[in-house]
C-alpha atoms as a PDB file:
ATOM      1  CA  MET A   1      14.917   1.252  10.971  1.00  0.00           C
ATOM      2  CA  GLN A   2      11.360   2.535  10.502  1.00  0.00           C
ATOM      3  CA  THR A   3      10.404   5.194   7.961  1.00  0.00           C
ATOM      4  CA  ILE A   4       7.667   7.525   9.196  1.00  0.00           C
ATOM      5  CA  LEU A   5       6.280  10.206   6.894  1.00  0.00           C
ATOM      6  CA  PHE A   6       3.837  12.907   7.923  1.00  0.00           C
ATOM      7  CA  ASP A   7       1.352  15.258   6.414  1.00  0.00           C
ATOM      8  CA  TRP A   8       2.072  18.880   7.386  1.00  0.00           C
ATOM      9  CA  ASP A   9      -1.064  20.978   7.899  1.00  0.00           C
ATOM     10  CA  GLY A  10      -3.319  19.637  10.624  1.00  0.00           C
ATOM     11  CA  THR A  11      -0.910  16.821  11.460  1.00  0.00           C
ATOM     12  CA  LEU A  12       2.269  18.522  12.642  1.00  0.00           C
ATOM     13  CA  VAL A  13       1.147  22.159  12.603  1.00  0.00           C
ATOM     14  CA  ASP A  14      -2.115  23.537  13.987  1.00  0.00           C
ATOM     15  CA  SER A  15      -3.310  25.243  10.816  1.00  0.00           C
ATOM     16  CA  ILE A  16      -6.692  23.744   9.901  1.00  0.00           C
ATOM     17  CA  GLN A  17      -8.706  26.647  11.337  1.00  0.00           C
ATOM     18  CA  ALA A  18      -6.532  29.080   9.355  1.00  0.00           C
ATOM     19  CA  LEU A  19      -7.091  27.004   6.222  1.00  0.00           C
ATOM     20  CA  PHE A  20     -10.841  27.052   6.859  1.00  0.00           C
ATOM     21  CA  GLU A  21     -10.844  30.837   7.185  1.00  0.00           C
ATOM     22  CA  THR A  22      -8.714  31.229   4.054  1.00  0.00           C
ATOM     23  CA  ASP A  23     -10.989  28.995   1.995  1.00  0.00           C
ATOM     24  CA  ALA A  24     -13.999  30.926   3.337  1.00  0.00           C
ATOM     25  CA  ALA A  25     -12.410  34.147   2.068  1.00  0.00           C
ATOM     26  CA  ILE A  26     -11.794  32.580  -1.337  1.00  0.00           C
ATOM     27  CA  CYS A  27     -15.373  31.384  -1.640  1.00  0.00           C
ATOM     28  CA  ARG A  28     -16.745  34.782  -0.621  1.00  0.00           C
ATOM     29  CA  LYS A  29     -14.614  36.433  -3.290  1.00  0.00           C
ATOM     30  CA  VAL A  30     -15.626  33.974  -6.002  1.00  0.00           C
ATOM     31  CA  GLY A  31     -19.250  33.798  -4.858  1.00  0.00           C
ATOM     32  CA  VAL A  32     -19.697  30.093  -4.083  1.00  0.00           C
ATOM     33  CA  PRO A  33     -21.306  28.596  -0.932  1.00  0.00           C
ATOM     34  CA  PHE A  34     -19.044  27.666   1.970  1.00  0.00           C
ATOM     35  CA  ASP A  35     -19.429  26.500   5.560  1.00  0.00           C
ATOM     36  CA  GLU A  36     -17.841  23.932   7.857  1.00  0.00           C
ATOM     37  CA  SER A  37     -19.816  21.029   6.408  1.00  0.00           C
ATOM     38  CA  ILE A  38     -18.737  21.977   2.877  1.00  0.00           C
ATOM     39  CA  PHE A  39     -15.142  22.338   4.094  1.00  0.00           C
ATOM     40  CA  ARG A  40     -15.184  18.853   5.610  1.00  0.00           C
ATOM     41  CA  ARG A  41     -16.832  17.323   2.551  1.00  0.00           C
ATOM     42  CA  THR A  42     -14.545  18.924  -0.034  1.00  0.00           C
ATOM     43  CA  PHE A  43     -11.220  19.238   1.774  1.00  0.00           C
ATOM     44  CA  SER A  44      -8.211  17.793   0.015  1.00  0.00           C
ATOM     45  CA  PRO A  45      -4.490  18.453   0.528  1.00  0.00           C
ATOM     46  CA  ASN A  46      -4.478  18.738  -3.269  1.00  0.00           C
ATOM     47  CA  TRP A  47      -5.726  22.324  -3.676  1.00  0.00           C
ATOM     48  CA  ARG A  48      -6.627  21.819  -7.334  1.00  0.00           C
ATOM     49  CA  LEU A  49      -9.041  19.026  -6.413  1.00  0.00           C
ATOM     50  CA  MET A  50     -10.472  21.066  -3.564  1.00  0.00           C
ATOM     51  CA  TYR A  51     -11.089  24.163  -5.688  1.00  0.00           C
ATOM     52  CA  ARG A  52     -12.835  21.963  -8.238  1.00  0.00           C
ATOM     53  CA  ALA A  53     -14.970  20.356  -5.532  1.00  0.00           C
ATOM     54  CA  LEU A  54     -15.869  23.778  -4.145  1.00  0.00           C
ATOM     55  CA  GLY A  55     -17.145  24.827  -7.559  1.00  0.00           C
ATOM     56  CA  ILE A  56     -14.517  27.471  -8.227  1.00  0.00           C
ATOM     57  CA  PRO A  57     -14.399  28.012 -12.015  1.00  0.00           C
ATOM     58  CA  GLU A  58     -11.054  27.163 -13.565  1.00  0.00           C
ATOM     59  CA  GLU A  59     -10.822  30.633 -15.077  1.00  0.00           C
ATOM     60  CA  ARG A  60     -10.917  32.103 -11.548  1.00  0.00           C
ATOM     61  CA  THR A  61      -8.197  29.889 -10.112  1.00  0.00           C
ATOM     62  CA  ASP A  62      -5.578  32.644 -10.308  1.00  0.00           C
ATOM     63  CA  GLU A  63      -7.934  34.924  -8.391  1.00  0.00           C
ATOM     64  CA  ALA A  64      -8.387  32.259  -5.719  1.00  0.00           C
ATOM     65  CA  VAL A  65      -4.621  31.831  -5.428  1.00  0.00           C
ATOM     66  CA  GLN A  66      -4.233  35.585  -4.925  1.00  0.00           C
ATOM     67  CA  VAL A  67      -6.776  35.530  -2.093  1.00  0.00           C
ATOM     68  CA  TRP A  68      -4.888  32.613  -0.559  1.00  0.00           C
ATOM     69  CA  ALA A  69      -1.592  34.506  -0.705  1.00  0.00           C
ATOM     70  CA  SER A  70      -3.070  37.554   1.003  1.00  0.00           C
ATOM     71  CA  THR A  71      -5.090  35.673   3.650  1.00  0.00           C
ATOM     72  CA  PHE A  72      -3.082  32.648   4.796  1.00  0.00           C
ATOM     73  CA  HIS A  73      -0.054  33.544   6.923  1.00  0.00           C
ATOM     74  CA  PRO A  74       2.408  30.613   7.079  1.00  0.00           C
ATOM     75  CA  ASP A  75       4.783  32.688   9.210  1.00  0.00           C
ATOM     76  CA  GLN A  76       2.240  32.448  12.039  1.00  0.00           C
ATOM     77  CA  THR A  77       1.853  28.665  12.092  1.00  0.00           C
ATOM     78  CA  ARG A  78       2.751  26.745  15.234  1.00  0.00           C
ATOM     79  CA  THR A  79       3.248  23.054  15.851  1.00  0.00           C
ATOM     80  CA  PHE A  80       0.791  21.158  17.972  1.00  0.00           C
ATOM     81  CA  PRO A  81       1.990  20.859  21.596  1.00  0.00           C
ATOM     82  CA  GLY A  82       4.746  18.299  22.035  1.00  0.00           C
ATOM     83  CA  ILE A  83       5.435  17.724  18.337  1.00  0.00           C
ATOM     84  CA  GLY A  84       9.093  18.751  18.457  1.00  0.00           C
ATOM     85  CA  GLY A  85       9.784  16.403  21.351  1.00  0.00           C
ATOM     86  CA  ALA A  86       7.841  13.559  19.747  1.00  0.00           C
ATOM     87  CA  LEU A  87       9.801  13.851  16.498  1.00  0.00           C
ATOM     88  CA  SER A  88      13.052  14.011  18.434  1.00  0.00           C
ATOM     89  CA  ARG A  89      12.182  10.815  20.298  1.00  0.00           C
ATOM     90  CA  LEU A  90      11.234   9.043  17.070  1.00  0.00           C
ATOM     91  CA  ALA A  91      14.511  10.098  15.438  1.00  0.00           C
ATOM     92  CA  ALA A  92      16.472   8.998  18.514  1.00  0.00           C
ATOM     93  CA  ALA A  93      14.776   5.602  18.240  1.00  0.00           C
ATOM     94  CA  GLY A  94      16.283   5.244  14.754  1.00  0.00           C
ATOM     95  CA  CYS A  95      13.324   6.311  12.625  1.00  0.00           C
ATOM     96  CA  VAL A  96      13.794   8.184   9.364  1.00  0.00           C
ATOM     97  CA  LEU A  97      11.302  11.057   9.331  1.00  0.00           C
ATOM     98  CA  GLY A  98       9.891  13.194   6.570  1.00  0.00           C
ATOM     99  CA  ILE A  99       6.839  14.956   5.192  1.00  0.00           C
ATOM    100  CA  VAL A 100       4.631  14.472   2.154  1.00  0.00           C
ATOM    101  CA  THR A 101       2.477  17.562   1.781  1.00  0.00           C
ATOM    102  CA  GLY A 102       0.340  19.209  -0.840  1.00  0.00           C
ATOM    103  CA  GLY A 103       1.819  22.541   0.243  1.00  0.00           C
ATOM    104  CA  SER A 104       4.412  24.375  -1.795  1.00  0.00           C
ATOM    105  CA  ARG A 105       8.125  24.172  -1.086  1.00  0.00           C
ATOM    106  CA  SER A 106       8.412  27.967  -0.925  1.00  0.00           C
ATOM    107  CA  GLU A 107       5.697  28.153   1.732  1.00  0.00           C
ATOM    108  CA  VAL A 108       6.480  25.141   3.912  1.00  0.00           C
ATOM    109  CA  GLU A 109      10.302  25.127   3.952  1.00  0.00           C
ATOM    110  CA  PRO A 110      10.521  28.444   5.863  1.00  0.00           C
ATOM    111  CA  GLN A 111       8.034  27.068   8.397  1.00  0.00           C
ATOM    112  CA  ILE A 112      10.161  23.967   8.940  1.00  0.00           C
ATOM    113  CA  GLU A 113      13.256  26.099   9.511  1.00  0.00           C
ATOM    114  CA  ARG A 114      11.466  28.560  11.803  1.00  0.00           C
ATOM    115  CA  LEU A 115       9.977  25.765  13.902  1.00  0.00           C
ATOM    116  CA  GLY A 116      13.337  24.015  14.258  1.00  0.00           C
ATOM    117  CA  LEU A 117      12.286  20.794  12.511  1.00  0.00           C
ATOM    118  CA  HIS A 118      14.703  20.900   9.563  1.00  0.00           C
ATOM    119  CA  ARG A 119      17.165  18.424  11.120  1.00  0.00           C
ATOM    120  CA  LEU A 120      14.393  15.985  12.005  1.00  0.00           C
ATOM    121  CA  LEU A 121      12.347  15.979   8.786  1.00  0.00           C
ATOM    122  CA  THR A 122      15.087  14.856   6.430  1.00  0.00           C
ATOM    123  CA  VAL A 123      12.873  13.751   3.520  1.00  0.00           C
ATOM    124  CA  ARG A 124      10.402  16.273   2.062  1.00  0.00           C
ATOM    125  CA  VAL A 125       7.991  15.974  -0.837  1.00  0.00           C
ATOM    126  CA  TYR A 126       5.908  19.000  -1.822  1.00  0.00           C
ATOM    127  CA  GLY A 127       2.836  19.573  -3.922  1.00  0.00           C
ATOM    128  CA  HIS A 128       4.685  20.409  -7.125  1.00  0.00           C
ATOM    129  CA  ASP A 129       7.230  17.577  -6.879  1.00  0.00           C
ATOM    130  CA  THR A 130       4.981  15.102  -8.707  1.00  0.00           C
ATOM    131  CA  GLN A 131       2.576  15.589 -11.565  1.00  0.00           C
ATOM    132  CA  ALA A 132      -0.245  13.915  -9.645  1.00  0.00           C
ATOM    133  CA  GLY A 133      -1.053  14.968  -6.082  1.00  0.00           C
ATOM    134  CA  LYS A 134      -2.870  13.305  -3.200  1.00  0.00           C
ATOM    135  CA  PRO A 135      -4.754  10.960  -3.147  1.00  0.00           C
ATOM    136  CA  ASP A 136      -2.627   9.569  -5.986  1.00  0.00           C
ATOM    137  CA  PRO A 137       0.187   7.408  -4.535  1.00  0.00           C
ATOM    138  CA  ALA A 138       2.907   9.217  -6.550  1.00  0.00           C
ATOM    139  CA  PRO A 139       3.961  11.718  -3.827  1.00  0.00           C
ATOM    140  CA  LEU A 140       4.315   8.985  -1.226  1.00  0.00           C
ATOM    141  CA  GLN A 141       6.136   6.693  -3.666  1.00  0.00           C
ATOM    142  CA  LEU A 142       8.597   9.502  -4.403  1.00  0.00           C
ATOM    143  CA  ALA A 143       9.222   9.947  -0.677  1.00  0.00           C
ATOM    144  CA  LEU A 144       9.940   6.224  -0.298  1.00  0.00           C
ATOM    145  CA  ASP A 145      12.440   6.440  -3.148  1.00  0.00           C
ATOM    146  CA  LEU A 146      14.115   9.449  -1.513  1.00  0.00           C
ATOM    147  CA  CYS A 147      14.389   7.436   1.703  1.00  0.00           C
ATOM    148  CA  GLY A 148      16.460   4.851  -0.157  1.00  0.00           C
ATOM    149  CA  ALA A 149      13.927   2.703  -2.010  1.00  0.00           C
ATOM    150  CA  VAL A 150      12.070   1.821   1.180  1.00  0.00           C
ATOM    151  CA  ARG A 151       9.443  -0.873   0.747  1.00  0.00           C
ATOM    152  CA  PRO A 152       5.896   0.375   1.325  1.00  0.00           C
ATOM    153  CA  ARG A 153       5.308  -2.231   4.016  1.00  0.00           C
ATOM    154  CA  ASP A 154       8.245  -0.790   5.969  1.00  0.00           C
ATOM    155  CA  ALA A 155       6.795   2.723   6.097  1.00  0.00           C
ATOM    156  CA  ILE A 156       4.067   4.599   7.955  1.00  0.00           C
ATOM    157  CA  TYR A 157       2.186   7.678   6.799  1.00  0.00           C
ATOM    158  CA  VAL A 158       0.489   9.909   9.369  1.00  0.00           C
ATOM    159  CA  GLY A 159      -2.169  12.386   8.219  1.00  0.00           C
ATOM    160  CA  ASP A 160      -5.464  13.986   9.159  1.00  0.00           C
ATOM    161  CA  ALA A 161      -7.271  14.144   5.810  1.00  0.00           C
ATOM    162  CA  LEU A 162      -9.213  11.413   4.047  1.00  0.00           C
ATOM    163  CA  ASP A 163      -7.049  11.859   0.943  1.00  0.00           C
ATOM    164  CA  ASP A 164      -3.976  11.262   3.121  1.00  0.00           C
ATOM    165  CA  MET A 165      -5.310   7.842   4.025  1.00  0.00           C
ATOM    166  CA  ARG A 166      -6.413   7.125   0.463  1.00  0.00           C
ATOM    167  CA  MET A 167      -2.903   7.921  -0.757  1.00  0.00           C
ATOM    168  CA  ALA A 168      -1.325   5.672   1.879  1.00  0.00           C
ATOM    169  CA  ALA A 169      -3.656   2.788   1.038  1.00  0.00           C
ATOM    170  CA  SER A 170      -2.985   3.185  -2.690  1.00  0.00           C
ATOM    171  CA  ALA A 171       0.764   3.113  -2.057  1.00  0.00           C
ATOM    172  CA  GLY A 172       0.555   0.068   0.230  1.00  0.00           C
ATOM    173  CA  VAL A 173       1.810   2.083   3.206  1.00  0.00           C
ATOM    174  CA  ARG A 174       0.370   1.773   6.717  1.00  0.00           C
ATOM    175  CA  GLY A 175      -1.852   4.812   7.218  1.00  0.00           C
ATOM    176  CA  VAL A 176      -2.358   6.436  10.606  1.00  0.00           C
ATOM    177  CA  GLY A 177      -5.346   8.773  10.692  1.00  0.00           C
ATOM    178  CA  ILE A 178      -5.299  11.769  13.018  1.00  0.00           C
ATOM    179  CA  GLU A 179      -8.755  12.912  14.107  1.00  0.00           C
ATOM    180  CA  SER A 180      -9.566  16.574  13.444  1.00  0.00           C
ATOM    181  CA  MET A 181     -12.386  18.791  12.234  1.00  0.00           C
ATOM    182  CA  LEU A 182     -11.773  17.179   8.850  1.00  0.00           C
ATOM    183  CA  ALA A 183     -12.616  13.594   9.739  1.00  0.00           C
ATOM    184  CA  THR A 184     -13.607  11.260  12.550  1.00  0.00           C
ATOM    185  CA  ALA A 185     -11.735   8.078  13.402  1.00  0.00           C
ATOM    186  CA  GLU A 186     -14.437   6.052  11.660  1.00  0.00           C
ATOM    187  CA  GLU A 187     -14.152   8.122   8.484  1.00  0.00           C
ATOM    188  CA  LEU A 188     -10.361   7.856   8.465  1.00  0.00           C
ATOM    189  CA  LEU A 189     -10.521   4.078   8.863  1.00  0.00           C
ATOM    190  CA  ALA A 190     -13.091   3.842   6.075  1.00  0.00           C
ATOM    191  CA  ALA A 191     -10.718   5.829   3.826  1.00  0.00           C
ATOM    192  CA  GLY A 192      -7.921   3.305   4.377  1.00  0.00           C
ATOM    193  CA  ALA A 193      -6.273   4.085   7.714  1.00  0.00           C
ATOM    194  CA  VAL A 194      -5.037   1.055   9.623  1.00  0.00           C
ATOM    195  CA  GLU A 195      -5.257   2.874  12.952  1.00  0.00           C
ATOM    196  CA  SER A 196      -6.211   6.285  14.299  1.00  0.00           C
ATOM    197  CA  ALA A 197      -5.305   8.614  17.144  1.00  0.00           C
ATOM    198  CA  ARG A 198      -6.595  11.860  18.593  1.00  0.00           C
ATOM    199  CA  SER A 199      -3.273  13.585  17.907  1.00  0.00           C
ATOM    200  CA  THR A 200       0.109  12.932  16.362  1.00  0.00           C
ATOM    201  CA  LEU A 201       1.659  13.175  19.821  1.00  0.00           C
ATOM    202  CA  GLU A 202      -0.692  10.506  21.159  1.00  0.00           C
ATOM    203  CA  TRP A 203       0.180   8.205  18.267  1.00  0.00           C
ATOM    204  CA  ALA A 204       3.947   8.796  18.599  1.00  0.00           C
ATOM    205  CA  ASP A 205       3.841   7.965  22.315  1.00  0.00           C
ATOM    206  CA  ARG A 206       1.880   4.794  21.531  1.00  0.00           C
ATOM    207  CA  PHE A 207       4.288   3.812  18.764  1.00  0.00           C
ATOM    208  CA  LEU A 208       7.351   4.355  20.945  1.00  0.00           C
ATOM    209  CA  ALA A 209       5.818   2.402  23.829  1.00  0.00           C
ATOM    210  CA  VAL A 210       5.324  -0.601  21.558  1.00  0.00           C
ATOM    211  CA  HIS A 211       8.698  -0.364  19.798  1.00  0.00           C
ATOM    212  CA  ARG A 212      10.882   0.624  22.754  1.00  0.00           C
ATOM    213  CA  SER A 213      14.037  -1.475  22.908  1.00  0.00           C
ATOM    214  CA  PRO A 214      14.276  -3.785  25.939  1.00  0.00           C
ATOM    215  CA  GLY A 215      16.316  -2.236  28.733  1.00  0.00           C
END
């Protein structure tokens, strides 16, 4: 039985453009520079690290969080095409599925329910579940424990951010990098990914083709 864990934003749900626009609003409010190149260079699933990299003063963090709450609309997120079917096929093949995200439980759980993925993503680790966030290996290690003390070499982590791949490499888990506006295949591989794909659906189809049972 294979354990496959996923990032959420930009990997299962098509939310990176919304995140870009939200971070742009935050930077306008705080008065720090922001454009797509800065977004790519500073992006981290760990929002504390990203705010620091963007130059947002610590004393204005609460203000940034308020802008986030009023700008980002998690109730409008949608999965990438084919994600529900891909996860269903992976589960039917005997894989244990879950997510390790820097997002909050209160924000992501309703999305999972609304999108009908709650029965497929049985293991879930959120940003506040460990003291250290991505790229520290702690969130991924917690997920492996929740899966039943799964060995790192028996797990896969799929994500689109460089810190996703750094976390996977630090935890000894096979990292699959998903290309997006955040990173190219070459950048993902340099950050520790073992392989890359243009989408999670493409990777899932490739994985299932290789691991399909005879007959």
